[in-house]
């Protein structure tokens, strides 16, 4: 929890810069996750559900930045989006 609070405080301090950089990074990770999901031979329902969730979470963070939502909400969406995309990549590749 201490690490989360430190990262949140740092994000608050320079929100404009970190938000801009994070959009690029999390969009790239989300794109890789979407590519891995589409390239794998898993049932269509699971494939489309994972693709939907990855896309929605990436878009939610981007929308939070554009809508200038609270710093904590924006940061939480960033963390959720990145963690879900990374877990999707790892889960499919293993």
PDB file of N, CA and C in Angstrom:
ATOM      1  N   UNK A   1       0.832  -1.197   0.000  1.00  0.00           N
ATOM      2  CA  UNK A   1       0.000   0.000   0.000  1.00  0.00           C
ATOM      3  C   UNK A   1       0.872   1.254   0.000  1.00  0.00           C
ATOM      4  N   UNK A   2       2.036   1.147   0.636  1.00  0.00           N
ATOM      5  CA  UNK A   2       2.938   2.298   0.697  1.00  0.00           C
ATOM      6  C   UNK A   2       3.438   2.666  -0.708  1.00  0.00           C
ATOM      7  N   UNK A   3       3.764   1.642  -1.499  1.00  0.00           N
ATOM      8  CA  UNK A   3       4.212   1.888  -2.872  1.00  0.00           C
ATOM      9  C   UNK A   3       3.119   2.576  -3.682  1.00  0.00           C
ATOM     10  N   UNK A   4       1.876   2.094  -3.532  1.00  0.00           N
ATOM     11  CA  UNK A   4       0.742   2.704  -4.229  1.00  0.00           C
ATOM     12  C   UNK A   4       0.623   4.187  -3.875  1.00  0.00           C
ATOM     13  N   UNK A   5       0.710   4.517  -2.582  1.00  0.00           N
ATOM     14  CA  UNK A   5       0.591   5.916  -2.149  1.00  0.00           C
ATOM     15  C   UNK A   5       1.732   6.767  -2.669  1.00  0.00           C
ATOM     16  N   UNK A   6       2.935   6.211  -2.705  1.00  0.00           N
ATOM     17  CA  UNK A   6       4.071   6.960  -3.248  1.00  0.00           C
ATOM     18  C   UNK A   6       3.878   7.247  -4.733  1.00  0.00           C
ATOM     19  N   UNK A   7       3.449   6.228  -5.465  1.00  0.00           N
ATOM     20  CA  UNK A   7       3.221   6.418  -6.903  1.00  0.00           C
ATOM     21  C   UNK A   7       2.075   7.386  -7.167  1.00  0.00           C
ATOM     22  N   UNK A   8       1.023   7.302  -6.367  1.00  0.00           N
ATOM     23  CA  UNK A   8      -0.105   8.220  -6.522  1.00  0.00           C
ATOM     24  C   UNK A   8       0.316   9.655  -6.252  1.00  0.00           C
ATOM     25  N   UNK A   9       1.101   9.878  -5.213  1.00  0.00           N
ATOM     26  CA  UNK A   9       1.574  11.231  -4.902  1.00  0.00           C
ATOM     27  C   UNK A   9       2.469  11.771  -6.007  1.00  0.00           C
ATOM     28  N   UNK A  10       3.317  10.926  -6.564  1.00  0.00           N
ATOM     29  CA  UNK A  10       4.173  11.352  -7.672  1.00  0.00           C
ATOM     30  C   UNK A  10       3.327  11.667  -8.904  1.00  0.00           C
ATOM     31  N   UNK A  11       2.312  10.859  -9.152  1.00  0.00           N
ATOM     32  CA  UNK A  11       1.415  11.092 -10.286  1.00  0.00           C
ATOM     33  C   UNK A  11       0.662  12.411 -10.105  1.00  0.00           C
ATOM     34  N   UNK A  12       0.222  12.699  -8.872  1.00  0.00           N
ATOM     35  CA  UNK A  12      -0.483  13.954  -8.588  1.00  0.00           C
ATOM     36  C   UNK A  12       0.419  15.159  -8.833  1.00  0.00           C
ATOM     37  N   UNK A  13       1.693  15.009  -8.455  1.00  0.00           N
ATOM     38  CA  UNK A  13       2.628  16.130  -8.544  1.00  0.00           C
ATOM     39  C   UNK A  13       2.828  16.595  -9.988  1.00  0.00           C
ATOM     40  N   UNK A  14       2.916  15.662 -10.895  1.00  0.00           N
ATOM     41  CA  UNK A  14       3.144  15.982 -12.313  1.00  0.00           C
ATOM     42  C   UNK A  14       2.127  15.274 -13.196  1.00  0.00           C
ATOM     43  N   UNK A  15       0.859  15.481 -12.915  1.00  0.00           N
ATOM     44  CA  UNK A  15      -0.198  14.734 -13.584  1.00  0.00           C
ATOM     45  C   UNK A  15      -0.194  14.941 -15.095  1.00  0.00           C
ATOM     46  N   UNK A  16       0.008  16.140 -15.550  1.00  0.00           N
ATOM     47  CA  UNK A  16      -0.055  16.404 -16.988  1.00  0.00           C
ATOM     48  C   UNK A  16       1.003  15.615 -17.752  1.00  0.00           C
ATOM     49  N   UNK A  17       2.218  15.626 -17.270  1.00  0.00           N
ATOM     50  CA  UNK A  17       3.294  14.907 -17.948  1.00  0.00           C
ATOM     51  C   UNK A  17       3.140  13.410 -17.870  1.00  0.00           C
ATOM     52  N   UNK A  18       2.834  12.921 -16.677  1.00  0.00           N
ATOM     53  CA  UNK A  18       2.677  11.475 -16.511  1.00  0.00           C
ATOM     54  C   UNK A  18       1.479  10.942 -17.286  1.00  0.00           C
ATOM     55  N   UNK A  19       0.411  11.695 -17.350  1.00  0.00           N
ATOM     56  CA  UNK A  19      -0.769  11.246 -18.093  1.00  0.00           C
ATOM     57  C   UNK A  19      -0.452  11.093 -19.570  1.00  0.00           C
ATOM     58  N   UNK A  20       0.292  12.039 -20.100  1.00  0.00           N
ATOM     59  CA  UNK A  20       0.658  11.995 -21.516  1.00  0.00           C
ATOM     60  C   UNK A  20       1.530  10.791 -21.821  1.00  0.00           C
ATOM     61  N   UNK A  21       2.536  10.577 -21.003  1.00  0.00           N
ATOM     62  CA  UNK A  21       3.436   9.439 -21.217  1.00  0.00           C
ATOM     63  C   UNK A  21       2.696   8.124 -20.995  1.00  0.00           C
ATOM     64  N   UNK A  22       1.834   8.097 -19.984  1.00  0.00           N
ATOM     65  CA  UNK A  22       1.115   6.862 -19.662  1.00  0.00           C
ATOM     66  C   UNK A  22       0.131   6.469 -20.762  1.00  0.00           C
ATOM     67  N   UNK A  23      -0.457   7.446 -21.442  1.00  0.00           N
ATOM     68  CA  UNK A  23      -1.366   7.122 -22.555  1.00  0.00           C
ATOM     69  C   UNK A  23      -0.617   6.327 -23.615  1.00  0.00           C
ATOM     70  N   UNK A  24       0.586   6.759 -23.930  1.00  0.00           N
ATOM     71  CA  UNK A  24       1.380   6.051 -24.941  1.00  0.00           C
ATOM     72  C   UNK A  24       1.733   4.650 -24.460  1.00  0.00           C
ATOM     73  N   UNK A  25       2.232   4.561 -23.241  1.00  0.00           N
ATOM     74  CA  UNK A  25       2.664   3.267 -22.709  1.00  0.00           C
ATOM     75  C   UNK A  25       1.539   2.271 -22.549  1.00  0.00           C
ATOM     76  N   UNK A  26       0.456   2.691 -21.910  1.00  0.00           N
ATOM     77  CA  UNK A  26      -0.636   1.738 -21.688  1.00  0.00           C
ATOM     78  C   UNK A  26      -1.354   1.390 -22.981  1.00  0.00           C
ATOM     79  N   UNK A  27      -1.369   2.298 -23.951  1.00  0.00           N
ATOM     80  CA  UNK A  27      -1.966   1.967 -25.246  1.00  0.00           C
ATOM     81  C   UNK A  27      -1.126   0.931 -25.987  1.00  0.00           C
ATOM     82  N   UNK A  28       0.189   1.037 -25.877  1.00  0.00           N
ATOM     83  CA  UNK A  28       1.067   0.037 -26.502  1.00  0.00           C
ATOM     84  C   UNK A  28       0.901  -1.327 -25.841  1.00  0.00           C
ATOM     85  N   UNK A  29       0.852  -1.355 -24.516  1.00  0.00           N
ATOM     86  CA  UNK A  29       0.663  -2.619 -23.808  1.00  0.00           C
ATOM     87  C   UNK A  29      -0.708  -3.211 -24.148  1.00  0.00           C
ATOM     88  N   UNK A  30      -1.730  -2.365 -24.199  1.00  0.00           N
ATOM     89  CA  UNK A  30      -3.066  -2.824 -24.572  1.00  0.00           C
ATOM     90  C   UNK A  30      -3.113  -3.362 -25.996  1.00  0.00           C
ATOM     91  N   UNK A  31      -2.379  -2.732 -26.892  1.00  0.00           N
ATOM     92  CA  UNK A  31      -2.330  -3.199 -28.280  1.00  0.00           C
ATOM     93  C   UNK A  31      -1.665  -4.564 -28.381  1.00  0.00           C
ATOM     94  N   UNK A  32      -0.599  -4.755 -27.619  1.00  0.00           N
ATOM     95  CA  UNK A  32       0.071  -6.056 -27.607  1.00  0.00           C
ATOM     96  C   UNK A  32      -0.872  -7.120 -27.042  1.00  0.00           C
ATOM     97  N   UNK A  33      -1.588  -6.777 -25.981  1.00  0.00           N
ATOM     98  CA  UNK A  33      -2.537  -7.720 -25.390  1.00  0.00           C
ATOM     99  C   UNK A  33      -3.624  -8.090 -26.405  1.00  0.00           C
ATOM    100  N   UNK A  34      -4.141  -7.090 -27.121  1.00  0.00           N
ATOM    101  CA  UNK A  34      -5.168  -7.365 -28.133  1.00  0.00           C
ATOM    102  C   UNK A  34      -4.615  -8.250 -29.250  1.00  0.00           C
ATOM    103  N   UNK A  35      -3.383  -8.000 -29.671  1.00  0.00           N
ATOM    104  CA  UNK A  35      -2.769  -8.802 -30.720  1.00  0.00           C
ATOM    105  C   UNK A  35      -2.589 -10.252 -30.270  1.00  0.00           C
ATOM    106  N   UNK A  36      -2.115 -10.424 -29.029  1.00  0.00           N
ATOM    107  CA  UNK A  36      -1.906 -11.775 -28.504  1.00  0.00           C
ATOM    108  C   UNK A  36      -3.240 -12.521 -28.407  1.00  0.00           C
ATOM    109  N   UNK A  37      -4.274 -11.826 -27.966  1.00  0.00           N
ATOM    110  CA  UNK A  37      -5.589 -12.453 -27.862  1.00  0.00           C
ATOM    111  C   UNK A  37      -6.079 -12.883 -29.246  1.00  0.00           C
ATOM    112  N   UNK A  38      -5.939 -12.020 -30.235  1.00  0.00           N
ATOM    113  CA  UNK A  38      -6.449 -12.341 -31.572  1.00  0.00           C
ATOM    114  C   UNK A  38      -5.628 -13.407 -32.290  1.00  0.00           C
ATOM    115  N   UNK A  39      -4.351 -13.517 -31.966  1.00  0.00           N
ATOM    116  CA  UNK A  39      -3.496 -14.493 -32.640  1.00  0.00           C
ATOM    117  C   UNK A  39      -3.592 -15.889 -32.036  1.00  0.00           C
ATOM    118  N   UNK A  40      -4.231 -16.015 -30.883  1.00  0.00           N
ATOM    119  CA  UNK A  40      -4.275 -17.290 -30.199  1.00  0.00           C
ATOM    120  C   UNK A  40      -5.507 -18.083 -30.593  1.00  0.00           C
ATOM    121  N   UNK A  41      -5.399 -19.395 -30.504  1.00  0.00           N
ATOM    122  CA  UNK A  41      -6.510 -20.286 -30.847  1.00  0.00           C
ATOM    123  C   UNK A  41      -7.257 -20.667 -29.571  1.00  0.00           C
ATOM    124  N   UNK A  42      -8.082 -19.762 -29.122  1.00  0.00           N
ATOM    125  CA  UNK A  42      -8.928 -20.011 -27.955  1.00  0.00           C
ATOM    126  C   UNK A  42     -10.374 -19.854 -28.417  1.00  0.00           C
ATOM    127  N   UNK A  43     -11.327 -20.359 -27.644  1.00  0.00           N
ATOM    128  CA  UNK A  43     -12.732 -20.226 -28.067  1.00  0.00           C
ATOM    129  C   UNK A  43     -13.115 -18.765 -28.318  1.00  0.00           C
ATOM    130  N   UNK A  44     -13.966 -18.574 -29.315  1.00  0.00           N
ATOM    131  CA  UNK A  44     -14.339 -17.230 -29.754  1.00  0.00           C
ATOM    132  C   UNK A  44     -14.959 -16.388 -28.646  1.00  0.00           C
ATOM    133  N   UNK A  45     -15.769 -16.992 -27.804  1.00  0.00           N
ATOM    134  CA  UNK A  45     -16.423 -16.233 -26.732  1.00  0.00           C
ATOM    135  C   UNK A  45     -15.380 -15.674 -25.774  1.00  0.00           C
ATOM    136  N   UNK A  46     -14.413 -16.494 -25.397  1.00  0.00           N
ATOM    137  CA  UNK A  46     -13.346 -16.041 -24.495  1.00  0.00           C
ATOM    138  C   UNK A  46     -12.491 -14.995 -25.191  1.00  0.00           C
ATOM    139  N   UNK A  47     -12.169 -15.245 -26.443  1.00  0.00           N
ATOM    140  CA  UNK A  47     -11.338 -14.318 -27.214  1.00  0.00           C
ATOM    141  C   UNK A  47     -11.985 -12.937 -27.301  1.00  0.00           C
ATOM    142  N   UNK A  48     -13.248 -12.896 -27.650  1.00  0.00           N
ATOM    143  CA  UNK A  48     -13.934 -11.612 -27.805  1.00  0.00           C
ATOM    144  C   UNK A  48     -14.163 -10.920 -26.459  1.00  0.00           C
ATOM    145  N   UNK A  49     -14.388 -11.694 -25.409  1.00  0.00           N
ATOM    146  CA  UNK A  49     -14.558 -11.110 -24.079  1.00  0.00           C
ATOM    147  C   UNK A  49     -13.265 -10.456 -23.603  1.00  0.00           C
ATOM    148  N   UNK A  50     -12.139 -11.165 -23.765  1.00  0.00           N
ATOM    149  CA  UNK A  50     -10.844 -10.588 -23.384  1.00  0.00           C
ATOM    150  C   UNK A  50     -10.531  -9.348 -24.216  1.00  0.00           C
ATOM    151  N   UNK A  51     -10.793  -9.420 -25.509  1.00  0.00           N
ATOM    152  CA  UNK A  51     -10.549  -8.278 -26.383  1.00  0.00           C
ATOM    153  C   UNK A  51     -11.401  -7.082 -25.960  1.00  0.00           C
ATOM    154  N   UNK A  52     -12.666  -7.334 -25.626  1.00  0.00           N
ATOM    155  CA  UNK A  52     -13.559  -6.279 -25.158  1.00  0.00           C
ATOM    156  C   UNK A  52     -13.031  -5.635 -23.883  1.00  0.00           C
ATOM    157  N   UNK A  53     -12.631  -6.455 -22.917  1.00  0.00           N
ATOM    158  CA  UNK A  53     -12.150  -5.917 -21.635  1.00  0.00           C
ATOM    159  C   UNK A  53     -10.857  -5.116 -21.789  1.00  0.00           C
ATOM    160  N   UNK A  54      -9.926  -5.624 -22.580  1.00  0.00           N
ATOM    161  CA  UNK A  54      -8.674  -4.888 -22.815  1.00  0.00           C
ATOM    162  C   UNK A  54      -8.968  -3.546 -23.465  1.00  0.00           C
ATOM    163  N   UNK A  55      -9.823  -3.556 -24.468  1.00  0.00           N
ATOM    164  CA  UNK A  55     -10.153  -2.322 -25.191  1.00  0.00           C
ATOM    165  C   UNK A  55     -10.878  -1.322 -24.293  1.00  0.00           C
ATOM    166  N   UNK A  56     -11.857  -1.787 -23.536  1.00  0.00           N
ATOM    167  CA  UNK A  56     -12.628  -0.895 -22.672  1.00  0.00           C
ATOM    168  C   UNK A  56     -11.745  -0.268 -21.597  1.00  0.00           C
ATOM    169  N   UNK A  57     -10.867  -1.059 -20.998  1.00  0.00           N
ATOM    170  CA  UNK A  57     -10.004  -0.511 -19.945  1.00  0.00           C
ATOM    171  C   UNK A  57      -9.019   0.522 -20.498  1.00  0.00           C
ATOM    172  N   UNK A  58      -8.467   0.244 -21.669  1.00  0.00           N
ATOM    173  CA  UNK A  58      -7.568   1.232 -22.288  1.00  0.00           C
ATOM    174  C   UNK A  58      -8.327   2.510 -22.641  1.00  0.00           C
ATOM    175  N   UNK A  59      -9.512   2.359 -23.190  1.00  0.00           N
ATOM    176  CA  UNK A  59     -10.308   3.533 -23.543  1.00  0.00           C
ATOM    177  C   UNK A  59     -10.775   4.292 -22.308  1.00  0.00           C
ATOM    178  N   UNK A  60     -11.045   3.585 -21.224  1.00  0.00           N
ATOM    179  CA  UNK A  60     -11.484   4.244 -19.987  1.00  0.00           C
ATOM    180  C   UNK A  60     -10.388   5.158 -19.449  1.00  0.00           C
ATOM    181  N   UNK A  61      -9.143   4.685 -19.465  1.00  0.00           N
ATOM    182  CA  UNK A  61      -8.054   5.541 -18.995  1.00  0.00           C
ATOM    183  C   UNK A  61      -7.898   6.755 -19.910  1.00  0.00           C
ATOM    184  N   UNK A  62      -7.906   6.528 -21.213  1.00  0.00           N
ATOM    185  CA  UNK A  62      -7.763   7.645 -22.151  1.00  0.00           C
ATOM    186  C   UNK A  62      -8.888   8.665 -21.960  1.00  0.00           C
ATOM    187  N   UNK A  63     -10.111   8.186 -21.750  1.00  0.00           N
ATOM    188  CA  UNK A  63     -11.245   9.082 -21.521  1.00  0.00           C
ATOM    189  C   UNK A  63     -11.100   9.831 -20.202  1.00  0.00           C
ATOM    190  N   UNK A  64     -10.574   9.169 -19.177  1.00  0.00           N
ATOM    191  CA  UNK A  64     -10.377   9.826 -17.878  1.00  0.00           C
ATOM    192  C   UNK A  64      -9.377  10.973 -17.994  1.00  0.00           C
ATOM    193  N   UNK A  65      -8.357  10.771 -18.791  1.00  0.00           N
ATOM    194  CA  UNK A  65      -7.371  11.845 -18.997  1.00  0.00           C
ATOM    195  C   UNK A  65      -8.014  12.997 -19.757  1.00  0.00           C
ATOM    196  N   UNK A  66      -8.737  12.681 -20.821  1.00  0.00           N
ATOM    197  CA  UNK A  66      -9.367  13.730 -21.617  1.00  0.00           C
ATOM    198  C   UNK A  66     -10.448  14.477 -20.843  1.00  0.00           C
ATOM    199  N   UNK A  67     -11.171  13.760 -19.985  1.00  0.00           N
ATOM    200  CA  UNK A  67     -12.239  14.389 -19.202  1.00  0.00           C
ATOM    201  C   UNK A  67     -11.708  15.075 -17.946  1.00  0.00           C
ATOM    202  N   UNK A  68     -10.408  14.927 -17.700  1.00  0.00           N
ATOM    203  CA  UNK A  68      -9.755  15.528 -16.528  1.00  0.00           C
ATOM    204  C   UNK A  68     -10.462  15.109 -15.239  1.00  0.00           C
ATOM    205  N   UNK A  69     -10.686  13.803 -15.107  1.00  0.00           N
ATOM    206  CA  UNK A  69     -11.260  13.270 -13.878  1.00  0.00           C
ATOM    207  C   UNK A  69     -10.259  13.437 -12.745  1.00  0.00           C
ATOM    208  N   UNK A  70     -10.675  13.096 -11.543  1.00  0.00           N
ATOM    209  CA  UNK A  70      -9.786  13.270 -10.393  1.00  0.00           C
ATOM    210  C   UNK A  70      -8.513  12.448 -10.584  1.00  0.00           C
ATOM    211  N   UNK A  71      -7.463  12.907  -9.945  1.00  0.00           N
ATOM    212  CA  UNK A  71      -6.164  12.261 -10.098  1.00  0.00           C
ATOM    213  C   UNK A  71      -6.213  10.806  -9.653  1.00  0.00           C
ATOM    214  N   UNK A  72      -6.879  10.543  -8.548  1.00  0.00           N
ATOM    215  CA  UNK A  72      -6.933   9.175  -8.033  1.00  0.00           C
ATOM    216  C   UNK A  72      -7.694   8.255  -8.983  1.00  0.00           C
ATOM    217  N   UNK A  73      -8.795   8.719  -9.532  1.00  0.00           N
ATOM    218  CA  UNK A  73      -9.564   7.915 -10.484  1.00  0.00           C
ATOM    219  C   UNK A  73      -8.737   7.623 -11.729  1.00  0.00           C
ATOM    220  N   UNK A  74      -8.075   8.636 -12.237  1.00  0.00           N
ATOM    221  CA  UNK A  74      -7.239   8.476 -13.424  1.00  0.00           C
ATOM    222  C   UNK A  74      -6.110   7.487 -13.154  1.00  0.00           C
ATOM    223  N   UNK A  75      -5.451   7.628 -12.023  1.00  0.00           N
ATOM    224  CA  UNK A  75      -4.343   6.740 -11.668  1.00  0.00           C
ATOM    225  C   UNK A  75      -4.833   5.301 -11.491  1.00  0.00           C
ATOM    226  N   UNK A  76      -5.971   5.133 -10.826  1.00  0.00           N
ATOM    227  CA  UNK A  76      -6.516   3.783 -10.621  1.00  0.00           C
ATOM    228  C   UNK A  76      -6.864   3.117 -11.952  1.00  0.00           C
ATOM    229  N   UNK A  77      -7.409   3.876 -12.888  1.00  0.00           N
ATOM    230  CA  UNK A  77      -7.716   3.317 -14.206  1.00  0.00           C
ATOM    231  C   UNK A  77      -6.438   2.937 -14.959  1.00  0.00           C
ATOM    232  N   UNK A  78      -5.400   3.742 -14.800  1.00  0.00           N
ATOM    233  CA  UNK A  78      -4.115   3.419 -15.417  1.00  0.00           C
ATOM    234  C   UNK A  78      -3.575   2.106 -14.872  1.00  0.00           C
ATOM    235  N   UNK A  79      -3.562   1.986 -13.560  1.00  0.00           N
ATOM    236  CA  UNK A  79      -3.045   0.768 -12.932  1.00  0.00           C
ATOM    237  C   UNK A  79      -3.877  -0.443 -13.350  1.00  0.00           C
ATOM    238  N   UNK A  80      -5.190  -0.310 -13.310  1.00  0.00           N
ATOM    239  CA  UNK A  80      -6.081  -1.411 -13.689  1.00  0.00           C
ATOM    240  C   UNK A  80      -5.858  -1.827 -15.144  1.00  0.00           C
ATOM    241  N   UNK A  81      -5.750  -0.854 -16.025  1.00  0.00           N
ATOM    242  CA  UNK A  81      -5.563  -1.130 -17.446  1.00  0.00           C
ATOM    243  C   UNK A  81      -4.240  -1.849 -17.700  1.00  0.00           C
ATOM    244  N   UNK A  82      -3.176  -1.359 -17.111  1.00  0.00           N
ATOM    245  CA  UNK A  82      -1.858  -1.955 -17.338  1.00  0.00           C
ATOM    246  C   UNK A  82      -1.795  -3.362 -16.742  1.00  0.00           C
ATOM    247  N   UNK A  83      -2.278  -3.523 -15.527  1.00  0.00           N
ATOM    248  CA  UNK A  83      -2.223  -4.840 -14.885  1.00  0.00           C
ATOM    249  C   UNK A  83      -3.073  -5.849 -15.654  1.00  0.00           C
ATOM    250  N   UNK A  84      -4.272  -5.461 -16.073  1.00  0.00           N
ATOM    251  CA  UNK A  84      -5.126  -6.394 -16.814  1.00  0.00           C
ATOM    252  C   UNK A  84      -4.483  -6.772 -18.145  1.00  0.00           C
ATOM    253  N   UNK A  85      -3.903  -5.813 -18.847  1.00  0.00           N
ATOM    254  CA  UNK A  85      -3.266  -6.116 -20.133  1.00  0.00           C
ATOM    255  C   UNK A  85      -2.071  -7.049 -19.949  1.00  0.00           C
ATOM    256  N   UNK A  86      -1.257  -6.786 -18.946  1.00  0.00           N
ATOM    257  CA  UNK A  86      -0.089  -7.631 -18.703  1.00  0.00           C
ATOM    258  C   UNK A  86      -0.517  -9.037 -18.291  1.00  0.00           C
ATOM    259  N   UNK A  87      -1.522  -9.142 -17.423  1.00  0.00           N
ATOM    260  CA  UNK A  87      -2.007 -10.461 -17.023  1.00  0.00           C
ATOM    261  C   UNK A  87      -2.607 -11.219 -18.202  1.00  0.00           C
ATOM    262  N   UNK A  88      -3.267 -10.513 -19.098  1.00  0.00           N
ATOM    263  CA  UNK A  88      -3.825 -11.152 -20.293  1.00  0.00           C
ATOM    264  C   UNK A  88      -2.704 -11.696 -21.174  1.00  0.00           C
ATOM    265  N   UNK A  89      -1.659 -10.899 -21.370  1.00  0.00           N
ATOM    266  CA  UNK A  89      -0.526 -11.342 -22.186  1.00  0.00           C
ATOM    267  C   UNK A  89       0.132 -12.572 -21.566  1.00  0.00           C
ATOM    268  N   UNK A  90       0.409 -12.488 -20.277  1.00  0.00           N
ATOM    269  CA  UNK A  90       1.061 -13.604 -19.587  1.00  0.00           C
ATOM    270  C   UNK A  90       0.173 -14.846 -19.590  1.00  0.00           C
ATOM    271  N   UNK A  91      -1.113 -14.642 -19.292  1.00  0.00           N
ATOM    272  CA  UNK A  91      -2.036 -15.767 -19.240  1.00  0.00           C
ATOM    273  C   UNK A  91      -2.174 -16.505 -20.554  1.00  0.00           C
ATOM    274  N   UNK A  92      -2.145 -15.797 -21.648  1.00  0.00           N
ATOM    275  CA  UNK A  92      -2.310 -16.440 -22.949  1.00  0.00           C
ATOM    276  C   UNK A  92      -1.011 -17.085 -23.418  1.00  0.00           C
ATOM    277  N   UNK A  93       0.111 -16.463 -23.114  1.00  0.00           N
ATOM    278  CA  UNK A  93       1.384 -17.003 -23.584  1.00  0.00           C
ATOM    279  C   UNK A  93       1.859 -18.218 -22.788  1.00  0.00           C
ATOM    280  N   UNK A  94       1.320 -18.379 -21.582  1.00  0.00           N
ATOM    281  CA  UNK A  94       1.759 -19.531 -20.773  1.00  0.00           C
ATOM    282  C   UNK A  94       0.947 -20.760 -21.092  1.00  0.00           C
TER     283      UNK A  94
END
